[in-house]
Amino acid sequence: MKTLMVIAWLTGGVADSQSTCAALARGGREVILTQSCSVNTLIISGEMAAGTYGLNKLYAKHPKLAVGIGIAAGAFRVGIAARNNRVQR
């Protein structure tokens, strides 16, 4: 389950990062982060690294909670990516 948690979490982050860059390239505007693909990728990568560390720490004492949060947060990020993919100029 720990592997599934980490895969879901990281997949969501990668999908969000890639779809954000694609939306910016199509003329979209980022509301929360910057208008730079590379800066946004660095921010999201840092968030993914810190989140992975945090989830692993939480997993040590509360594995079910950590797995639930990791999967839910990853799914949420995939939802953001789906929305980003609909952005048009």
N, C-alpha and C. Protein backbone atom coordinates (compact mmCIF):
# COMPACT_ATOMS: atom_id res chain seq x y z
N MET A 1 0.82 -1.20 0.00
CA MET A 1 0.00 0.00 0.00
C MET A 1 0.86 1.26 0.00
N LYS A 2 2.01 1.19 0.63
CA LYS A 2 2.89 2.36 0.68
C LYS A 2 3.33 2.76 -0.72
N THR A 3 3.66 1.77 -1.53
CA THR A 3 4.07 2.06 -2.91
C THR A 3 2.94 2.71 -3.69
N LEU A 4 1.73 2.19 -3.53
CA LEU A 4 0.57 2.77 -4.21
C LEU A 4 0.37 4.23 -3.79
N MET A 5 0.52 4.50 -2.50
CA MET A 5 0.37 5.85 -1.98
C MET A 5 1.36 6.80 -2.66
N VAL A 6 2.62 6.41 -2.71
CA VAL A 6 3.65 7.27 -3.29
C VAL A 6 3.43 7.43 -4.79
N ILE A 7 3.07 6.36 -5.48
CA ILE A 7 2.83 6.44 -6.92
C ILE A 7 1.66 7.37 -7.22
N ALA A 8 0.58 7.26 -6.47
CA ALA A 8 -0.58 8.13 -6.68
C ALA A 8 -0.21 9.58 -6.43
N TRP A 9 0.50 9.84 -5.35
CA TRP A 9 0.91 11.20 -5.00
C TRP A 9 1.80 11.81 -6.09
N LEU A 10 2.82 11.07 -6.51
CA LEU A 10 3.75 11.60 -7.51
C LEU A 10 3.12 11.71 -8.90
N THR A 11 2.26 10.76 -9.24
CA THR A 11 1.57 10.83 -10.53
C THR A 11 0.73 12.09 -10.62
N GLY A 12 0.03 12.41 -9.56
CA GLY A 12 -0.78 13.63 -9.54
C GLY A 12 0.07 14.87 -9.72
N GLY A 13 1.22 14.92 -9.05
CA GLY A 13 2.10 16.07 -9.16
C GLY A 13 2.69 16.22 -10.55
N VAL A 14 3.14 15.12 -11.13
CA VAL A 14 3.70 15.16 -12.48
C VAL A 14 2.63 15.57 -13.49
N ALA A 15 1.45 15.01 -13.36
CA ALA A 15 0.36 15.37 -14.28
C ALA A 15 0.01 16.85 -14.16
N ASP A 16 -0.03 17.37 -12.95
CA ASP A 16 -0.32 18.78 -12.74
C ASP A 16 0.77 19.64 -13.36
N SER A 17 2.01 19.31 -13.10
CA SER A 17 3.13 20.09 -13.63
C SER A 17 3.13 20.11 -15.16
N GLN A 18 2.98 18.95 -15.76
CA GLN A 18 3.01 18.86 -17.22
C GLN A 18 1.82 19.58 -17.86
N SER A 19 0.66 19.41 -17.27
CA SER A 19 -0.53 20.05 -17.84
C SER A 19 -0.51 21.56 -17.64
N THR A 20 0.11 22.02 -16.56
CA THR A 20 0.26 23.46 -16.34
C THR A 20 1.15 24.05 -17.43
N CYS A 21 2.26 23.40 -17.70
CA CYS A 21 3.17 23.89 -18.75
C CYS A 21 2.47 23.89 -20.12
N ALA A 22 1.72 22.85 -20.40
CA ALA A 22 1.01 22.78 -21.68
C ALA A 22 -0.04 23.88 -21.78
N ALA A 23 -0.75 24.14 -20.70
CA ALA A 23 -1.77 25.19 -20.71
C ALA A 23 -1.13 26.56 -20.88
N LEU A 24 -0.01 26.80 -20.23
CA LEU A 24 0.70 28.07 -20.39
C LEU A 24 1.17 28.23 -21.84
N ALA A 25 1.64 27.16 -22.44
CA ALA A 25 2.09 27.22 -23.84
C ALA A 25 0.94 27.53 -24.80
N ARG A 26 -0.29 27.15 -24.41
CA ARG A 26 -1.46 27.44 -25.24
C ARG A 26 -2.03 28.84 -24.96
N GLY A 27 -1.37 29.59 -24.10
CA GLY A 27 -1.83 30.94 -23.82
C GLY A 27 -2.64 31.07 -22.55
N GLY A 28 -2.75 30.01 -21.79
CA GLY A 28 -3.47 30.07 -20.52
C GLY A 28 -2.69 30.87 -19.50
N ARG A 29 -3.33 31.19 -18.40
CA ARG A 29 -2.70 31.95 -17.31
C ARG A 29 -2.79 31.13 -16.03
N GLU A 30 -1.70 31.10 -15.30
CA GLU A 30 -1.66 30.43 -14.01
C GLU A 30 -2.17 31.39 -12.96
N VAL A 31 -3.12 30.94 -12.16
CA VAL A 31 -3.73 31.80 -11.15
C VAL A 31 -2.94 31.77 -9.84
N ILE A 32 -2.43 30.60 -9.45
CA ILE A 32 -1.82 30.46 -8.13
C ILE A 32 -0.30 30.63 -8.17
N LEU A 33 0.35 30.01 -9.13
CA LEU A 33 1.81 30.07 -9.19
C LEU A 33 2.26 31.18 -10.13
N THR A 34 3.36 30.96 -10.83
CA THR A 34 3.90 31.97 -11.73
C THR A 34 3.46 31.68 -13.16
N GLN A 35 3.86 32.53 -14.08
CA GLN A 35 3.56 32.31 -15.50
C GLN A 35 4.73 31.60 -16.19
N SER A 36 5.68 31.09 -15.43
CA SER A 36 6.86 30.41 -15.96
C SER A 36 6.75 28.91 -15.74
N CYS A 37 6.84 28.17 -16.83
CA CYS A 37 6.77 26.70 -16.74
C CYS A 37 7.89 26.16 -15.86
N SER A 38 9.10 26.61 -16.06
CA SER A 38 10.23 26.06 -15.31
C SER A 38 10.14 26.39 -13.81
N VAL A 39 9.72 27.59 -13.47
CA VAL A 39 9.58 27.95 -12.06
C VAL A 39 8.45 27.13 -11.43
N ASN A 40 7.34 26.99 -12.12
CA ASN A 40 6.23 26.19 -11.60
C ASN A 40 6.65 24.74 -11.41
N THR A 41 7.41 24.21 -12.34
CA THR A 41 7.89 22.84 -12.23
C THR A 41 8.78 22.68 -11.00
N LEU A 42 9.63 23.65 -10.75
CA LEU A 42 10.48 23.60 -9.55
C LEU A 42 9.64 23.66 -8.27
N ILE A 43 8.64 24.52 -8.24
CA ILE A 43 7.78 24.64 -7.07
C ILE A 43 7.02 23.33 -6.82
N ILE A 44 6.42 22.79 -7.87
CA ILE A 44 5.66 21.55 -7.73
C ILE A 44 6.58 20.38 -7.37
N SER A 45 7.79 20.35 -7.93
CA SER A 45 8.75 19.29 -7.58
C SER A 45 9.12 19.36 -6.11
N GLY A 46 9.33 20.55 -5.60
CA GLY A 46 9.62 20.72 -4.18
C GLY A 46 8.47 20.26 -3.32
N GLU A 47 7.27 20.60 -3.75
CA GLU A 47 6.07 20.17 -3.02
C GLU A 47 5.95 18.65 -3.03
N MET A 48 6.24 18.04 -4.16
CA MET A 48 6.16 16.59 -4.27
C MET A 48 7.21 15.92 -3.37
N ALA A 49 8.42 16.47 -3.34
CA ALA A 49 9.47 15.90 -2.48
C ALA A 49 9.09 16.03 -1.01
N ALA A 50 8.66 17.21 -0.60
CA ALA A 50 8.28 17.42 0.80
C ALA A 50 7.07 16.57 1.17
N GLY A 51 6.11 16.48 0.26
CA GLY A 51 4.91 15.67 0.50
C GLY A 51 5.24 14.19 0.63
N THR A 52 6.14 13.71 -0.20
CA THR A 52 6.55 12.31 -0.13
C THR A 52 7.22 12.03 1.21
N TYR A 53 8.08 12.93 1.63
CA TYR A 53 8.73 12.78 2.94
C TYR A 53 7.68 12.76 4.05
N GLY A 54 6.76 13.71 4.01
CA GLY A 54 5.72 13.79 5.03
C GLY A 54 4.82 12.56 5.06
N LEU A 55 4.43 12.11 3.88
CA LEU A 55 3.58 10.91 3.81
C LEU A 55 4.31 9.69 4.37
N ASN A 56 5.59 9.57 4.07
CA ASN A 56 6.36 8.44 4.59
C ASN A 56 6.49 8.51 6.11
N LYS A 57 6.68 9.70 6.66
CA LYS A 57 6.73 9.86 8.11
C LYS A 57 5.38 9.50 8.75
N LEU A 58 4.30 9.98 8.14
CA LEU A 58 2.97 9.69 8.65
C LEU A 58 2.68 8.20 8.57
N TYR A 59 3.13 7.57 7.48
CA TYR A 59 2.89 6.14 7.27
C TYR A 59 3.47 5.29 8.41
N ALA A 60 4.56 5.75 8.98
CA ALA A 60 5.20 4.98 10.05
C ALA A 60 4.27 4.78 11.25
N LYS A 61 3.45 5.77 11.56
CA LYS A 61 2.56 5.67 12.73
C LYS A 61 1.09 5.50 12.36
N HIS A 62 0.71 5.99 11.21
CA HIS A 62 -0.70 5.94 10.79
C HIS A 62 -0.78 5.54 9.31
N PRO A 63 -0.49 4.27 9.01
CA PRO A 63 -0.41 3.87 7.59
C PRO A 63 -1.71 4.05 6.81
N LYS A 64 -2.84 3.74 7.40
CA LYS A 64 -4.10 3.88 6.66
C LYS A 64 -4.40 5.34 6.35
N LEU A 65 -4.15 6.21 7.29
CA LEU A 65 -4.37 7.63 7.07
C LEU A 65 -3.45 8.16 5.98
N ALA A 66 -2.18 7.78 6.04
CA ALA A 66 -1.21 8.23 5.04
C ALA A 66 -1.59 7.76 3.64
N VAL A 67 -1.98 6.51 3.53
CA VAL A 67 -2.39 5.98 2.22
C VAL A 67 -3.62 6.72 1.71
N GLY A 68 -4.58 6.96 2.57
CA GLY A 68 -5.78 7.69 2.18
C GLY A 68 -5.47 9.10 1.71
N ILE A 69 -4.63 9.80 2.46
CA ILE A 69 -4.26 11.16 2.08
C ILE A 69 -3.47 11.16 0.78
N GLY A 70 -2.50 10.27 0.64
CA GLY A 70 -1.67 10.21 -0.56
C GLY A 70 -2.49 9.94 -1.82
N ILE A 71 -3.41 9.00 -1.73
CA ILE A 71 -4.24 8.66 -2.89
C ILE A 71 -5.22 9.79 -3.19
N ALA A 72 -5.85 10.33 -2.16
CA ALA A 72 -6.81 11.42 -2.37
C ALA A 72 -6.13 12.66 -2.94
N ALA A 73 -4.97 13.00 -2.41
CA ALA A 73 -4.25 14.18 -2.90
C ALA A 73 -3.77 13.97 -4.33
N GLY A 74 -3.31 12.76 -4.63
CA GLY A 74 -2.90 12.46 -6.00
C GLY A 74 -4.06 12.55 -6.97
N ALA A 75 -5.21 12.02 -6.56
CA ALA A 75 -6.41 12.09 -7.41
C ALA A 75 -6.85 13.53 -7.61
N PHE A 76 -6.75 14.33 -6.57
CA PHE A 76 -7.09 15.75 -6.68
C PHE A 76 -6.19 16.43 -7.70
N ARG A 77 -4.90 16.13 -7.67
CA ARG A 77 -3.96 16.74 -8.62
C ARG A 77 -4.24 16.27 -10.05
N VAL A 78 -4.66 15.02 -10.20
CA VAL A 78 -5.04 14.54 -11.54
C VAL A 78 -6.26 15.32 -12.03
N GLY A 79 -7.18 15.64 -11.13
CA GLY A 79 -8.33 16.46 -11.48
C GLY A 79 -7.91 17.85 -11.93
N ILE A 80 -6.92 18.42 -11.26
CA ILE A 80 -6.39 19.72 -11.68
C ILE A 80 -5.78 19.60 -13.06
N ALA A 81 -5.05 18.52 -13.30
CA ALA A 81 -4.43 18.31 -14.61
C ALA A 81 -5.50 18.20 -15.70
N ALA A 82 -6.59 17.51 -15.41
CA ALA A 82 -7.67 17.39 -16.39
C ALA A 82 -8.25 18.75 -16.72
N ARG A 83 -8.41 19.59 -15.72
CA ARG A 83 -8.91 20.93 -15.95
C ARG A 83 -7.91 21.75 -16.77
N ASN A 84 -6.63 21.63 -16.43
CA ASN A 84 -5.58 22.33 -17.19
C ASN A 84 -5.60 21.92 -18.66
N ASN A 85 -5.88 20.66 -18.90
CA ASN A 85 -5.89 20.19 -20.30
C ASN A 85 -7.03 20.76 -21.10
N ARG A 86 -8.04 21.30 -20.44
CA ARG A 86 -9.16 21.93 -21.16
C ARG A 86 -8.94 23.40 -21.42
N VAL A 87 -7.85 23.97 -20.89
CA VAL A 87 -7.60 25.41 -21.05
C VAL A 87 -7.23 25.69 -22.50
N GLN A 88 -7.93 26.65 -23.05
CA GLN A 88 -7.65 27.11 -24.42
C GLN A 88 -7.35 28.60 -24.37
N ARG A 89 -6.75 29.09 -25.39
CA ARG A 89 -6.43 30.52 -25.47
C ARG A 89 -7.65 31.37 -25.40
